[in-house]
Amino acid sequence: MITVFVMNTCPDCTRIEAQIQGNPNYHVIDIGAHVRNLKAFLQLRDTNPTFAAARRMGFAGIPCFVLEDGSVTLSPMEAGIGELTPTAPSCNLDGTGC
């Protein structure tokens, strides 16, 4: 099962959630639903090299996918979902993405 870290106020995350809704191959964790979810995500984000560019650019790093082998990616395609097509406003303050 692929774990997907999202937040319900992130436009990219809501599009991902809509694509995988009802699919038992994905387990969605909303980091805004409970502080323990946020802490789990922050532990991953702060220690995993996959997030280096996201941290450097000021991105939150969501949606994030933890694949079945434990590897981490920010790519929906690598998680078997497909590429996102922007249809909603960006969630970065400068308008560059999540």
Protein backbone atom coordinates (compact mmCIF):
# COMPACT_ATOMS: atom_id res chain seq x y z
CA MET A 1 0.00 0.00 0.00
CA ILE A 2 1.22 3.50 -0.84
CA THR A 3 0.91 6.13 1.89
CA VAL A 4 -0.03 9.59 0.66
CA PHE A 5 0.54 12.62 2.88
CA VAL A 6 -1.86 15.45 2.00
CA MET A 7 -3.57 18.48 3.47
CA ASN A 8 -7.16 19.31 2.60
CA THR A 9 -6.36 22.98 1.92
CA CYS A 10 -3.72 22.13 -0.71
CA PRO A 11 -5.12 22.21 -4.28
CA ASP A 12 -2.62 19.60 -5.53
CA CYS A 13 -3.54 17.32 -2.63
CA THR A 14 -7.27 17.54 -3.25
CA ARG A 15 -6.77 16.61 -6.91
CA ILE A 16 -4.67 13.61 -5.88
CA GLU A 17 -7.25 12.54 -3.32
CA ALA A 18 -10.00 12.71 -5.94
CA GLN A 19 -7.95 10.49 -8.28
CA ILE A 20 -7.30 7.78 -5.67
CA GLN A 21 -10.61 7.90 -3.79
CA GLY A 22 -11.83 4.38 -3.09
CA ASN A 23 -8.60 2.76 -4.31
CA PRO A 24 -7.40 0.29 -1.64
CA ASN A 25 -3.81 0.59 -2.88
CA TYR A 26 -3.49 4.04 -1.26
CA HIS A 27 -3.66 5.13 2.38
CA VAL A 28 -4.25 8.88 2.73
CA ILE A 29 -2.98 10.78 5.77
CA ASP A 30 -4.20 14.37 6.12
CA ILE A 31 -1.43 16.20 7.97
CA GLY A 32 -3.88 18.91 9.02
CA ALA A 33 -6.33 16.51 10.66
CA HIS A 34 -4.25 15.82 13.76
CA VAL A 35 -0.93 16.99 15.17
CA ARG A 36 0.41 13.39 15.21
CA ASN A 37 -0.07 13.27 11.42
CA LEU A 38 1.79 16.56 11.04
CA LYS A 39 4.62 15.31 13.28
CA ALA A 40 4.95 12.09 11.27
CA PHE A 41 5.16 14.10 8.04
CA LEU A 42 7.63 16.62 9.45
CA GLN A 43 9.89 13.81 10.69
CA LEU A 44 9.90 12.38 7.16
CA ARG A 45 10.32 15.77 5.49
CA ASP A 46 13.12 16.91 7.77
CA THR A 47 15.18 13.73 7.44
CA ASN A 48 14.59 12.38 3.93
CA PRO A 49 16.81 13.67 1.10
CA THR A 50 13.85 13.51 -1.32
CA PHE A 51 12.68 16.79 0.20
CA ALA A 52 15.98 18.69 -0.16
CA ALA A 53 14.83 20.71 -3.17
CA ALA A 54 11.38 21.32 -1.67
CA ARG A 55 12.91 22.61 1.56
CA ARG A 56 15.39 24.79 -0.34
CA MET A 57 12.61 26.31 -2.46
CA GLY A 58 10.23 26.80 0.48
CA PHE A 59 7.70 24.18 -0.65
CA ALA A 60 5.74 22.15 1.90
CA GLY A 61 6.49 18.91 0.05
CA ILE A 62 2.92 17.69 -0.30
CA PRO A 63 1.43 15.65 -1.72
CA CYS A 64 4.09 13.14 -0.73
CA PHE A 65 4.08 9.43 -1.48
CA VAL A 66 5.73 6.67 0.56
CA LEU A 67 5.91 3.70 -1.77
CA GLU A 68 5.53 0.07 -0.73
CA ASP A 69 9.30 -0.41 -0.65
CA GLY A 70 9.66 2.53 1.76
CA SER A 71 11.07 4.93 -0.80
CA VAL A 72 9.68 8.46 -0.85
CA THR A 73 8.70 10.51 -3.88
CA LEU A 74 6.93 13.74 -4.65
CA SER A 75 5.95 12.44 -8.09
CA PRO A 76 2.37 11.25 -8.60
CA MET A 77 3.58 9.32 -11.65
CA GLU A 78 6.07 7.33 -9.57
CA ALA A 79 3.19 6.51 -7.23
CA GLY A 80 1.13 5.17 -10.13
CA ILE A 81 -1.33 8.05 -10.19
CA GLY A 82 -0.40 10.13 -13.21
CA GLU A 83 0.77 13.69 -13.65
CA LEU A 84 -1.09 16.60 -12.10
CA THR A 85 -2.47 19.29 -14.36
CA PRO A 86 -2.76 22.59 -12.49
CA THR A 87 -6.39 23.68 -12.33
CA ALA A 88 -6.47 25.56 -9.04
CA PRO A 89 -4.53 28.39 -7.46
CA SER A 90 -1.14 27.57 -6.04
CA CYS A 91 -0.74 27.21 -2.29
CA ASN A 92 2.67 28.96 -2.02
CA LEU A 93 2.67 32.56 -0.96
CA ASP A 94 4.64 33.51 -4.06
CA GLY A 95 2.37 31.50 -6.38
CA THR A 96 4.98 28.90 -7.34
CA GLY A 97 3.37 25.73 -5.97
CA CYS A 98 2.96 23.64 -2.86
